[in-house]
Full PDB file with SEQRES, HELIX, SHEET, SSBOND, CRYST1, ORIGX, SCALE, CONECT and MASTER records, all heavy atoms in Angstrom:
SEQRES   1 A   42  CYS VAL ALA LEU ASP ALA GLY HIS ARG HIS ILE VAL PHE          
SEQRES   2 A   42  GLY ASP GLY ALA ASP LYS ALA THR GLY LEU TRP ALA LYS          
SEQRES   3 A   42  HIS VAL HIS LEU PHE HIS ILE PRO SER ILE ARG PRO SER          
SEQRES   4 A   42  VAL LEU GLY                                                  
HELIX    1 AA1 ASP A   15  ASP A   18  1                                   4    
HELIX    2 AA2 THR A   21  ALA A   25  1                                   5    
SHEET    1 AA1 2 HIS A  10  PHE A  13  0                                        
SHEET    2 AA1 2 LEU A  30  ILE A  33  1                                        
CRYST1    1.000    1.000    1.000  90.00  90.00  90.00 P 1           1          
ORIGX1      1.000000  0.000000  0.000000        0.00000                         
ORIGX2      0.000000  1.000000  0.000000        0.00000                         
ORIGX3      0.000000  0.000000  1.000000        0.00000                         
SCALE1      1.000000  0.000000  0.000000        0.00000                         
SCALE2      0.000000  1.000000  0.000000        0.00000                         
SCALE3      0.000000  0.000000  1.000000        0.00000                         
ATOM      1  N   CYS A   1     150.779 -46.698-114.654  1.00  0.00           N  
ATOM      2  CA  CYS A   1     151.503 -47.819-115.266  1.00  0.00           C  
ATOM      3  C   CYS A   1     150.697 -48.461-116.396  1.00  0.00           C  
ATOM      4  O   CYS A   1     151.231 -48.759-117.461  1.00  0.00           O  
ATOM      5  CB  CYS A   1     151.835 -48.866-114.205  1.00  0.00           C  
ATOM      6  SG  CYS A   1     152.970 -48.279-112.934  1.00  0.00           S  
ATOM      7  N   VAL A   2     149.421 -48.660-116.173  1.00  0.00           N  
ATOM      8  CA  VAL A   2     148.552 -49.304-117.166  1.00  0.00           C  
ATOM      9  C   VAL A   2     148.386 -48.417-118.397  1.00  0.00           C  
ATOM     10  O   VAL A   2     148.258 -48.918-119.516  1.00  0.00           O  
ATOM     11  CB  VAL A   2     147.184 -49.656-116.525  1.00  0.00           C  
ATOM     12  CG1 VAL A   2     146.167 -50.080-117.568  1.00  0.00           C  
ATOM     13  CG2 VAL A   2     147.358 -50.738-115.480  1.00  0.00           C  
ATOM     14  N   ALA A   3     148.405 -47.102-118.212  1.00  0.00           N  
ATOM     15  CA  ALA A   3     148.218 -46.173-119.328  1.00  0.00           C  
ATOM     16  C   ALA A   3     149.412 -46.145-120.283  1.00  0.00           C  
ATOM     17  O   ALA A   3     149.286 -45.682-121.415  1.00  0.00           O  
ATOM     18  CB  ALA A   3     147.949 -44.768-118.794  1.00  0.00           C  
ATOM     19  N   LEU A   4     150.559 -46.655-119.861  1.00  0.00           N  
ATOM     20  CA  LEU A   4     151.737 -46.684-120.721  1.00  0.00           C  
ATOM     21  C   LEU A   4     151.578 -47.744-121.800  1.00  0.00           C  
ATOM     22  O   LEU A   4     151.034 -48.819-121.558  1.00  0.00           O  
ATOM     23  CB  LEU A   4     152.994 -46.969-119.893  1.00  0.00           C  
ATOM     24  CG  LEU A   4     153.371 -45.924-118.852  1.00  0.00           C  
ATOM     25  CD1 LEU A   4     154.523 -46.424-117.994  1.00  0.00           C  
ATOM     26  CD2 LEU A   4     153.711 -44.593-119.505  1.00  0.00           C  
ATOM     27  N   ASP A   5     152.075 -47.459-122.984  1.00  0.00           N  
ATOM     28  CA  ASP A   5     151.993 -48.374-124.122  1.00  0.00           C  
ATOM     29  C   ASP A   5     152.732 -49.677-123.801  1.00  0.00           C  
ATOM     30  O   ASP A   5     153.956 -49.684-123.632  1.00  0.00           O  
ATOM     31  CB  ASP A   5     152.605 -47.700-125.346  1.00  0.00           C  
ATOM     32  CG  ASP A   5     152.581 -48.555-126.598  1.00  0.00           C  
ATOM     33  OD1 ASP A   5     152.101 -49.706-126.546  1.00  0.00           O  
ATOM     34  OD2 ASP A   5     153.042 -48.069-127.642  1.00  0.00           O  
ATOM     35  N   ALA A   6     151.986 -50.771-123.730  1.00  0.00           N  
ATOM     36  CA  ALA A   6     152.575 -52.078-123.384  1.00  0.00           C  
ATOM     37  C   ALA A   6     153.445 -52.635-124.510  1.00  0.00           C  
ATOM     38  O   ALA A   6     154.148 -53.618-124.312  1.00  0.00           O  
ATOM     39  CB  ALA A   6     151.478 -53.068-123.020  1.00  0.00           C  
ATOM     40  N   GLY A   7     153.435 -52.010-125.684  1.00  0.00           N  
ATOM     41  CA  GLY A   7     154.283 -52.447-126.788  1.00  0.00           C  
ATOM     42  C   GLY A   7     155.724 -51.977-126.661  1.00  0.00           C  
ATOM     43  O   GLY A   7     156.540 -52.287-127.514  1.00  0.00           O  
ATOM     44  N   HIS A   8     156.002 -51.233-125.623  1.00  0.00           N  
ATOM     45  CA  HIS A   8     157.351 -50.726-125.383  1.00  0.00           C  
ATOM     46  C   HIS A   8     157.845 -51.192-124.023  1.00  0.00           C  
ATOM     47  O   HIS A   8     157.063 -51.523-123.147  1.00  0.00           O  
ATOM     48  CB  HIS A   8     157.369 -49.190-125.404  1.00  0.00           C  
ATOM     49  CG  HIS A   8     157.183 -48.626-126.767  1.00  0.00           C  
ATOM     50  ND1 HIS A   8     155.950 -48.434-127.325  1.00  0.00           N  
ATOM     51  CD2 HIS A   8     158.091 -48.208-127.694  1.00  0.00           C  
ATOM     52  CE1 HIS A   8     156.082 -47.923-128.535  1.00  0.00           C  
ATOM     53  NE2 HIS A   8     157.375 -47.781-128.782  1.00  0.00           N  
ATOM     54  N   ARG A   9     159.168 -51.198-123.879  1.00  0.00           N  
ATOM     55  CA  ARG A   9     159.750 -51.423-122.562  1.00  0.00           C  
ATOM     56  C   ARG A   9     159.965 -50.039-121.953  1.00  0.00           C  
ATOM     57  O   ARG A   9     160.618 -49.184-122.539  1.00  0.00           O  
ATOM     58  CB  ARG A   9     161.081 -52.171-122.693  1.00  0.00           C  
ATOM     59  CG  ARG A   9     161.723 -52.482-121.348  1.00  0.00           C  
ATOM     60  CD  ARG A   9     162.930 -53.374-121.495  1.00  0.00           C  
ATOM     61  NE  ARG A   9     164.057 -52.655-122.092  1.00  0.00           N  
ATOM     62  CZ  ARG A   9     165.323 -53.032-121.960  1.00  0.00           C  
ATOM     63  NH1 ARG A   9     165.631 -54.129-121.281  1.00  0.00           N  
ATOM     64  NH2 ARG A   9     166.289 -52.348-122.524  1.00  0.00           N  
ATOM     65  N   HIS A  10     159.383 -49.814-120.794  1.00  0.00           N  
ATOM     66  CA  HIS A  10     159.462 -48.520-120.122  1.00  0.00           C  
ATOM     67  C   HIS A  10     160.502 -48.612-119.011  1.00  0.00           C  
ATOM     68  O   HIS A  10     160.352 -49.381-118.069  1.00  0.00           O  
ATOM     69  CB  HIS A  10     158.094 -48.113-119.576  1.00  0.00           C  
ATOM     70  CG  HIS A  10     157.108 -47.869-120.665  1.00  0.00           C  
ATOM     71  ND1 HIS A  10     156.949 -46.638-121.253  1.00  0.00           N  
ATOM     72  CD2 HIS A  10     156.260 -48.717-121.306  1.00  0.00           C  
ATOM     73  CE1 HIS A  10     156.036 -46.729-122.204  1.00  0.00           C  
ATOM     74  NE2 HIS A  10     155.604 -47.972-122.254  1.00  0.00           N  
ATOM     75  N   ILE A  11     161.572 -47.821-119.139  1.00  0.00           N  
ATOM     76  CA  ILE A  11     162.683 -47.824-118.200  1.00  0.00           C  
ATOM     77  C   ILE A  11     162.470 -46.671-117.222  1.00  0.00           C  
ATOM     78  O   ILE A  11     162.424 -45.509-117.631  1.00  0.00           O  
ATOM     79  CB  ILE A  11     164.034 -47.635-118.927  1.00  0.00           C  
ATOM     80  CG1 ILE A  11     164.149 -48.562-120.154  1.00  0.00           C  
ATOM     81  CG2 ILE A  11     165.199 -47.792-117.968  1.00  0.00           C  
ATOM     82  CD1 ILE A  11     164.042 -50.021-119.850  1.00  0.00           C  
ATOM     83  N   VAL A  12     162.325 -46.996-115.931  1.00  0.00           N  
ATOM     84  CA  VAL A  12     162.121 -45.976-114.904  1.00  0.00           C  
ATOM     85  C   VAL A  12     163.374 -45.903-114.032  1.00  0.00           C  
ATOM     86  O   VAL A  12     163.942 -46.922-113.663  1.00  0.00           O  
ATOM     87  CB  VAL A  12     160.858 -46.250-114.059  1.00  0.00           C  
ATOM     88  CG1 VAL A  12     159.602 -46.140-114.923  1.00  0.00           C  
ATOM     89  CG2 VAL A  12     160.891 -47.619-113.396  1.00  0.00           C  
ATOM     90  N   PHE A  13     163.807 -44.674-113.711  1.00  0.00           N  
ATOM     91  CA  PHE A  13     165.044 -44.501-112.948  1.00  0.00           C  
ATOM     92  C   PHE A  13     165.061 -43.120-112.313  1.00  0.00           C  
ATOM     93  O   PHE A  13     164.274 -42.248-112.664  1.00  0.00           O  
ATOM     94  CB  PHE A  13     166.271 -44.719-113.841  1.00  0.00           C  
ATOM     95  CG  PHE A  13     166.298 -43.838-115.064  1.00  0.00           C  
ATOM     96  CD1 PHE A  13     167.038 -42.672-115.087  1.00  0.00           C  
ATOM     97  CD2 PHE A  13     165.560 -44.171-116.203  1.00  0.00           C  
ATOM     98  CE1 PHE A  13     167.061 -41.860-116.205  1.00  0.00           C  
ATOM     99  CE2 PHE A  13     165.575 -43.362-117.331  1.00  0.00           C  
ATOM    100  CZ  PHE A  13     166.320 -42.202-117.332  1.00  0.00           C  
ATOM    101  N   GLY A  14     165.977 -42.937-111.370  1.00  0.00           N  
ATOM    102  CA  GLY A  14     166.068 -41.702-110.604  1.00  0.00           C  
ATOM    103  C   GLY A  14     165.531 -41.930-109.204  1.00  0.00           C  
ATOM    104  O   GLY A  14     164.907 -42.967-108.924  1.00  0.00           O  
ATOM    105  N   ASP A  15     165.749 -40.971-108.294  1.00  0.00           N  
ATOM    106  CA  ASP A  15     165.296 -41.179-106.915  1.00  0.00           C  
ATOM    107  C   ASP A  15     163.777 -41.280-106.815  1.00  0.00           C  
ATOM    108  O   ASP A  15     163.254 -41.927-105.917  1.00  0.00           O  
ATOM    109  CB  ASP A  15     165.860 -40.116-105.965  1.00  0.00           C  
ATOM    110  CG  ASP A  15     165.362 -38.708-106.220  1.00  0.00           C  
ATOM    111  OD1 ASP A  15     164.680 -38.463-107.232  1.00  0.00           O  
ATOM    112  OD2 ASP A  15     165.674 -37.825-105.391  1.00  0.00           O  
ATOM    113  N   GLY A  16     163.053 -40.695-107.756  1.00  0.00           N  
ATOM    114  CA  GLY A  16     161.599 -40.839-107.770  1.00  0.00           C  
ATOM    115  C   GLY A  16     161.173 -42.257-108.091  1.00  0.00           C  
ATOM    116  O   GLY A  16     160.202 -42.768-107.529  1.00  0.00           O  
ATOM    117  N   ALA A  17     161.881 -42.921-108.975  1.00  0.00           N  
ATOM    118  CA  ALA A  17     161.565 -44.305-109.337  1.00  0.00           C  
ATOM    119  C   ALA A  17     161.992 -45.277-108.248  1.00  0.00           C  
ATOM    120  O   ALA A  17     161.328 -46.295-108.023  1.00  0.00           O  
ATOM    121  CB  ALA A  17     162.235 -44.674-110.656  1.00  0.00           C  
ATOM    122  N   ASP A  18     163.074 -44.961-107.555  1.00  0.00           N  
ATOM    123  CA  ASP A  18     163.600 -45.868-106.525  1.00  0.00           C  
ATOM    124  C   ASP A  18     162.614 -46.083-105.383  1.00  0.00           C  
ATOM    125  O   ASP A  18     162.657 -47.109-104.713  1.00  0.00           O  
ATOM    126  CB  ASP A  18     164.924 -45.344-105.971  1.00  0.00           C  
ATOM    127  CG  ASP A  18     166.058 -45.432-106.978  1.00  0.00           C  
ATOM    128  OD1 ASP A  18     165.872 -46.036-108.049  1.00  0.00           O  
ATOM    129  OD2 ASP A  18     167.133 -44.875-106.687  1.00  0.00           O  
ATOM    130  N   LYS A  19     161.714 -45.143-105.158  1.00  0.00           N  
ATOM    131  CA  LYS A  19     160.783 -45.271-104.033  1.00  0.00           C  
ATOM    132  C   LYS A  19     159.568 -46.134-104.362  1.00  0.00           C  
ATOM    133  O   LYS A  19     158.764 -46.399-103.482  1.00  0.00           O  
ATOM    134  CB  LYS A  19     160.326 -43.888-103.564  1.00  0.00           C  
ATOM    135  CG  LYS A  19     159.424 -43.155-104.536  1.00  0.00           C  
ATOM    136  CD  LYS A  19     159.056 -41.797-103.980  1.00  0.00           C  
ATOM    137  CE  LYS A  19     158.122 -41.044-104.916  1.00  0.00           C  
ATOM    138  NZ  LYS A  19     157.779 -39.736-104.356  1.00  0.00           N  
ATOM    139  N   ALA A  20     159.441 -46.587-105.601  1.00  0.00           N  
ATOM    140  CA  ALA A  20     158.236 -47.316-106.006  1.00  0.00           C  
ATOM    141  C   ALA A  20     158.543 -48.715-106.524  1.00  0.00           C  
ATOM    142  O   ALA A  20     157.857 -49.218-107.418  1.00  0.00           O  
ATOM    143  CB  ALA A  20     157.487 -46.506-107.064  1.00  0.00           C  
ATOM    144  N   THR A  21     159.539 -49.379-105.970  1.00  0.00           N  
ATOM    145  CA  THR A  21     159.943 -50.692-106.480  1.00  0.00           C  
ATOM    146  C   THR A  21     158.801 -51.701-106.446  1.00  0.00           C  
ATOM    147  O   THR A  21     158.703 -52.543-107.346  1.00  0.00           O  
ATOM    148  CB  THR A  21     161.159 -51.232-105.707  1.00  0.00           C  
ATOM    149  OG1 THR A  21     160.858 -51.248-104.315  1.00  0.00           O  
ATOM    150  CG2 THR A  21     162.386 -50.377-105.946  1.00  0.00           C  
ATOM    151  N   GLY A  22     157.950 -51.635-105.451  1.00  0.00           N  
ATOM    152  CA  GLY A  22     156.812 -52.550-105.379  1.00  0.00           C  
ATOM    153  C   GLY A  22     155.854 -52.360-106.544  1.00  0.00           C  
ATOM    154  O   GLY A  22     155.292 -53.327-107.074  1.00  0.00           O  
ATOM    155  N   LEU A  23     155.652 -51.132-106.961  1.00  0.00           N  
ATOM    156  CA  LEU A  23     154.775 -50.828-108.098  1.00  0.00           C  
ATOM    157  C   LEU A  23     155.358 -51.373-109.394  1.00  0.00           C  
ATOM    158  O   LEU A  23     154.643 -51.993-110.193  1.00  0.00           O  
ATOM    159  CB  LEU A  23     154.569 -49.314-108.192  1.00  0.00           C  
ATOM    160  CG  LEU A  23     153.675 -48.805-109.321  1.00  0.00           C  
ATOM    161  CD1 LEU A  23     152.248 -49.321-109.152  1.00  0.00           C  
ATOM    162  CD2 LEU A  23     153.702 -47.282-109.367  1.00  0.00           C  
ATOM    163  N   TRP A  24     156.640 -51.186-109.615  1.00  0.00           N  
ATOM    164  CA  TRP A  24     157.263 -51.645-110.860  1.00  0.00           C  
ATOM    165  C   TRP A  24     157.195 -53.167-110.983  1.00  0.00           C  
ATOM    166  O   TRP A  24     157.033 -53.687-112.081  1.00  0.00           O  
ATOM    167  CB  TRP A  24     158.724 -51.193-110.956  1.00  0.00           C  
ATOM    168  CG  TRP A  24     158.951 -49.744-110.639  1.00  0.00           C  
ATOM    169  CD1 TRP A  24     159.950 -49.252-109.851  1.00  0.00           C  
ATOM    170  CD2 TRP A  24     158.208 -48.608-111.088  1.00  0.00           C  
ATOM    171  NE1 TRP A  24     159.859 -47.877-109.776  1.00  0.00           N  
ATOM    172  CE2 TRP A  24     158.790 -47.458-110.527  1.00  0.00           C  
ATOM    173  CE3 TRP A  24     157.088 -48.445-111.891  1.00  0.00           C  
ATOM    174  CZ2 TRP A  24     158.316 -46.166-110.750  1.00  0.00           C  
ATOM    175  CZ3 TRP A  24     156.594 -47.157-112.120  1.00  0.00           C  
ATOM    176  CH2 TRP A  24     157.201 -46.055-111.554  1.00  0.00           C  
ATOM    177  N   ALA A  25     157.298 -53.875-109.870  1.00  0.00           N  
ATOM    178  CA  ALA A  25     157.287 -55.340-109.884  1.00  0.00           C  
ATOM    179  C   ALA A  25     155.965 -55.902-110.390  1.00  0.00           C  
ATOM    180  O   ALA A  25     155.913 -57.028-110.881  1.00  0.00           O  
ATOM    181  CB  ALA A  25     157.591 -55.867-108.479  1.00  0.00           C  
ATOM    182  N   LYS A  26     154.894 -55.130-110.304  1.00  0.00           N  
ATOM    183  CA  LYS A  26     153.565 -55.599-110.734  1.00  0.00           C  
ATOM    184  C   LYS A  26     153.305 -55.407-112.223  1.00  0.00           C  
ATOM    185  O   LYS A  26     152.296 -55.867-112.725  1.00  0.00           O  
ATOM    186  CB  LYS A  26     152.468 -54.865-109.944  1.00  0.00           C  
ATOM    187  CG  LYS A  26     152.520 -55.113-108.455  1.00  0.00           C  
ATOM    188  CD  LYS A  26     151.316 -54.563-107.702  1.00  0.00           C  
ATOM    189  CE  LYS A  26     151.050 -53.121-107.929  1.00  0.00           C  
ATOM    190  NZ  LYS A  26     149.955 -52.585-107.093  1.00  0.00           N  
ATOM    191  N   HIS A  27     154.201 -54.746-112.929  1.00  0.00           N  
ATOM    192  CA  HIS A  27     153.952 -54.413-114.335  1.00  0.00           C  
ATOM    193  C   HIS A  27     155.136 -54.870-115.183  1.00  0.00           C  
ATOM    194  O   HIS A  27     156.225 -54.292-115.111  1.00  0.00           O  
ATOM    195  CB  HIS A  27     153.710 -52.910-114.484  1.00  0.00           C  
ATOM    196  CG  HIS A  27     152.525 -52.435-113.715  1.00  0.00           C  
ATOM    197  ND1 HIS A  27     151.241 -52.518-114.202  1.00  0.00           N  
ATOM    198  CD2 HIS A  27     152.424 -51.928-112.457  1.00  0.00           C  
ATOM    199  CE1 HIS A  27     150.408 -52.044-113.301  1.00  0.00           C  
ATOM    200  NE2 HIS A  27     151.095 -51.689-112.229  1.00  0.00           N  
ATOM    201  N   VAL A  28     154.900 -55.871-116.027  1.00  0.00           N  
ATOM    202  CA  VAL A  28     155.995 -56.515-116.767  1.00  0.00           C  
ATOM    203  C   VAL A  28     156.633 -55.613-117.821  1.00  0.00           C  
ATOM    204  O   VAL A  28     157.774 -55.844-118.211  1.00  0.00           O  
ATOM    205  CB  VAL A  28     155.532 -57.843-117.431  1.00  0.00           C  
ATOM    206  CG1 VAL A  28     155.144 -58.860-116.375  1.00  0.00           C  
ATOM    207  CG2 VAL A  28     154.412 -57.594-118.416  1.00  0.00           C  
ATOM    208  N   HIS A  29     155.947 -54.585-118.279  1.00  0.00           N  
ATOM    209  CA  HIS A  29     156.532 -53.706-119.293  1.00  0.00           C  
ATOM    210  C   HIS A  29     157.332 -52.550-118.674  1.00  0.00           C  
ATOM    211  O   HIS A  29     157.867 -51.715-119.393  1.00  0.00           O  
ATOM    212  CB  HIS A  29     155.461 -53.182-120.257  1.00  0.00           C  
ATOM    213  CG  HIS A  29     154.397 -52.339-119.631  1.00  0.00           C  
ATOM    214  ND1 HIS A  29     153.528 -52.818-118.677  1.00  0.00           N  
ATOM    215  CD2 HIS A  29     154.074 -51.046-119.823  1.00  0.00           C  
ATOM    216  CE1 HIS A  29     152.705 -51.856-118.314  1.00  0.00           C  
ATOM    217  NE2 HIS A  29     153.024 -50.769-118.981  1.00  0.00           N  
ATOM    218  N   LEU A  30     157.438 -52.533-117.338  1.00  0.00           N  
ATOM    219  CA  LEU A  30     158.236 -51.528-116.636  1.00  0.00           C  
ATOM    220  C   LEU A  30     159.513 -52.161-116.099  1.00  0.00           C  
ATOM    221  O   LEU A  30     159.483 -53.240-115.516  1.00  0.00           O  
ATOM    222  CB  LEU A  30     157.437 -50.922-115.483  1.00  0.00           C  
ATOM    223  CG  LEU A  30     156.280 -50.026-115.929  1.00  0.00           C  
ATOM    224  CD1 LEU A  30     155.300 -49.816-114.814  1.00  0.00           C  
ATOM    225  CD2 LEU A  30     156.805 -48.709-116.426  1.00  0.00           C  
ATOM    226  N   PHE A  31     160.624 -51.489-116.318  1.00  0.00           N  
ATOM    227  CA  PHE A  31     161.927 -52.009-115.913  1.00  0.00           C  
ATOM    228  C   PHE A  31     162.632 -50.928-115.098  1.00  0.00           C  
ATOM    229  O   PHE A  31     162.915 -49.839-115.613  1.00  0.00           O  
ATOM    230  CB  PHE A  31     162.729 -52.376-117.171  1.00  0.00           C  
ATOM    231  CG  PHE A  31     163.981 -53.127-116.907  1.00  0.00           C  
ATOM    232  CD1 PHE A  31     163.957 -54.465-116.533  1.00  0.00           C  
ATOM    233  CD2 PHE A  31     165.206 -52.502-117.046  1.00  0.00           C  
ATOM    234  CE1 PHE A  31     165.135 -55.160-116.294  1.00  0.00           C  
ATOM    235  CE2 PHE A  31     166.383 -53.186-116.809  1.00  0.00           C  
ATOM    236  CZ  PHE A  31     166.345 -54.520-116.433  1.00  0.00           C  
ATOM    237  N   HIS A  32     162.912 -51.220-113.845  1.00  0.00           N  
ATOM    238  CA  HIS A  32     163.506 -50.243-112.931  1.00  0.00           C  
ATOM    239  C   HIS A  32     165.022 -50.393-112.883  1.00  0.00           C  
ATOM    240  O   HIS A  32     165.538 -51.481-112.661  1.00  0.00           O  
ATOM    241  CB  HIS A  32     162.910 -50.430-111.533  1.00  0.00           C  
ATOM    242  CG  HIS A  32     163.535 -49.579-110.490  1.00  0.00           C  
ATOM    243  ND1 HIS A  32     164.025 -50.082-109.315  1.00  0.00           N  
ATOM    244  CD2 HIS A  32     163.767 -48.241-110.448  1.00  0.00           C  
ATOM    245  CE1 HIS A  32     164.517 -49.097-108.589  1.00  0.00           C  
ATOM    246  NE2 HIS A  32     164.381 -47.978-109.249  1.00  0.00           N  
ATOM    247  N   ILE A  33     165.735 -49.288-113.094  1.00  0.00           N  
ATOM    248  CA  ILE A  33     167.191 -49.243-112.940  1.00  0.00           C  
ATOM    249  C   ILE A  33     167.461 -48.430-111.672  1.00  0.00           C  
ATOM    250  O   ILE A  33     167.247 -47.218-111.657  1.00  0.00           O  
ATOM    251  CB  ILE A  33     167.884 -48.569-114.145  1.00  0.00           C  
ATOM    252  CG1 ILE A  33     167.464 -49.214-115.456  1.00  0.00           C  
ATOM    253  CG2 ILE A  33     169.398 -48.601-113.969  1.00  0.00           C  
ATOM    254  CD1 ILE A  33     167.861 -50.653-115.599  1.00  0.00           C  
ATOM    255  N   PRO A  34     167.914 -49.077-110.595  1.00  0.00           N  
ATOM    256  CA  PRO A  34     168.101 -48.357-109.324  1.00  0.00           C  
ATOM    257  C   PRO A  34     169.349 -47.488-109.288  1.00  0.00           C  
ATOM    258  O   PRO A  34     170.293 -47.689-110.055  1.00  0.00           O  
ATOM    259  CB  PRO A  34     168.204 -49.498-108.298  1.00  0.00           C  
ATOM    260  CG  PRO A  34     168.736 -50.652-109.072  1.00  0.00           C  
ATOM    261  CD  PRO A  34     168.212 -50.510-110.475  1.00  0.00           C  
ATOM    262  N   SER A  35     169.312 -46.526-108.394  1.00  0.00           N  
ATOM    263  CA  SER A  35     170.479 -45.719-107.996  1.00  0.00           C  
ATOM    264  C   SER A  35     171.064 -44.825-109.081  1.00  0.00           C  
ATOM    265  O   SER A  35     172.234 -44.464-109.007  1.00  0.00           O  
ATOM    266  CB  SER A  35     171.574 -46.621-107.430  1.00  0.00           C  
ATOM    267  OG  SER A  35     171.076 -47.377-106.351  1.00  0.00           O  
ATOM    268  N   ILE A  36     170.294 -44.454-110.079  1.00  0.00           N  
ATOM    269  CA  ILE A  36     170.768 -43.481-111.065  1.00  0.00           C  
ATOM    270  C   ILE A  36     170.454 -42.098-110.506  1.00  0.00           C  
ATOM    271  O   ILE A  36     169.324 -41.801-110.150  1.00  0.00           O  
ATOM    272  CB  ILE A  36     170.086 -43.666-112.441  1.00  0.00           C  
ATOM    273  CG1 ILE A  36     170.331 -45.073-112.991  1.00  0.00           C  
ATOM    274  CG2 ILE A  36     170.538 -42.585-113.419  1.00  0.00           C  
ATOM    275  CD1 ILE A  36     171.758 -45.386-113.344  1.00  0.00           C  
ATOM    276  N   ARG A  37     171.471 -41.254-110.419  1.00  0.00           N  
ATOM    277  CA  ARG A  37     171.328 -39.907-109.869  1.00  0.00           C  
ATOM    278  C   ARG A  37     171.937 -38.902-110.836  1.00  0.00           C  
ATOM    279  O   ARG A  37     172.873 -39.226-111.565  1.00  0.00           O  
ATOM    280  CB  ARG A  37     172.045 -39.778-108.517  1.00  0.00           C  
ATOM    281  CG  ARG A  37     171.500 -40.667-107.425  1.00  0.00           C  
ATOM    282  CD  ARG A  37     170.097 -40.220-107.002  1.00  0.00           C  
ATOM    283  NE  ARG A  37     169.556 -41.012-105.928  1.00  0.00           N  
ATOM    284  CZ  ARG A  37     168.850 -42.127-106.087  1.00  0.00           C  
ATOM    285  NH1 ARG A  37     168.612 -42.591-107.293  1.00  0.00           N  
ATOM    286  NH2 ARG A  37     168.378 -42.777-105.048  1.00  0.00           N  
ATOM    287  N   PRO A  38     171.428 -37.674-110.838  1.00  0.00           N  
ATOM    288  CA  PRO A  38     172.054 -36.664-111.696  1.00  0.00           C  
ATOM    289  C   PRO A  38     173.496 -36.432-111.243  1.00  0.00           C  
ATOM    290  O   PRO A  38     173.758 -36.316-110.048  1.00  0.00           O  
ATOM    291  CB  PRO A  38     171.199 -35.408-111.479  1.00  0.00           C  
ATOM    292  CG  PRO A  38     170.216 -35.710-110.431  1.00  0.00           C  
ATOM    293  CD  PRO A  38     170.327 -37.145-110.059  1.00  0.00           C  
ATOM    294  N   SER A  39     174.410 -36.401-112.187  1.00  0.00           N  
ATOM    295  CA  SER A  39     175.823 -36.238-111.837  1.00  0.00           C  
ATOM    296  C   SER A  39     176.493 -35.280-112.809  1.00  0.00           C  
ATOM    297  O   SER A  39     175.942 -34.932-113.855  1.00  0.00           O  
ATOM    298  CB  SER A  39     176.544 -37.588-111.871  1.00  0.00           C  
ATOM    299  OG  SER A  39     176.808 -37.965-113.207  1.00  0.00           O  
ATOM    300  N   VAL A  40     177.703 -34.912-112.474  1.00  0.00           N  
ATOM    301  CA  VAL A  40     178.485 -34.041-113.338  1.00  0.00           C  
ATOM    302  C   VAL A  40     178.788 -34.736-114.671  1.00  0.00           C  
ATOM    303  O   VAL A  40     178.951 -34.071-115.696  1.00  0.00           O  
ATOM    304  CB  VAL A  40     179.774 -33.572-112.621  1.00  0.00           C  
ATOM    305  CG1 VAL A  40     180.752 -34.715-112.448  1.00  0.00           C  
ATOM    306  CG2 VAL A  40     180.408 -32.413-113.358  1.00  0.00           C  
ATOM    307  N   LEU A  41     178.827 -36.066-114.689  1.00  0.00           N  
ATOM    308  CA  LEU A  41     179.105 -36.780-115.941  1.00  0.00           C  
ATOM    309  C   LEU A  41     177.976 -36.583-116.944  1.00  0.00           C  
ATOM    310  O   LEU A  41     178.218 -36.290-118.117  1.00  0.00           O  
ATOM    311  CB  LEU A  41     179.343 -38.262-115.662  1.00  0.00           C  
ATOM    312  CG  LEU A  41     180.539 -38.577-114.768  1.00  0.00           C  
ATOM    313  CD1 LEU A  41     180.617 -40.071-114.475  1.00  0.00           C  
ATOM    314  CD2 LEU A  41     181.825 -38.072-115.377  1.00  0.00           C  
ATOM    315  N   GLY A  42     176.739 -36.758-116.490  1.00  0.00           N  
ATOM    316  CA  GLY A  42     175.592 -36.533-117.369  1.00  0.00           C  
ATOM    317  C   GLY A  42     175.472 -35.075-117.767  1.00  0.00           C  
ATOM    318  O   GLY A  42     175.181 -34.745-118.916  1.00  0.00           O  
TER     319      GLY A  42                                                      
MASTER        0    0    0    2    2    0    0    6  318    1    0    4          
END                                                                             
């Protein structure tokens, strides 16, 4: 998380991101979008 460029907003999503909500809460430049899954629409 710290290695990511703090000058950008980093959007994390997918089932891999959903398991780390506690980690995202500690870093203000990370923004978690829950429940995004690969679908036929994408």
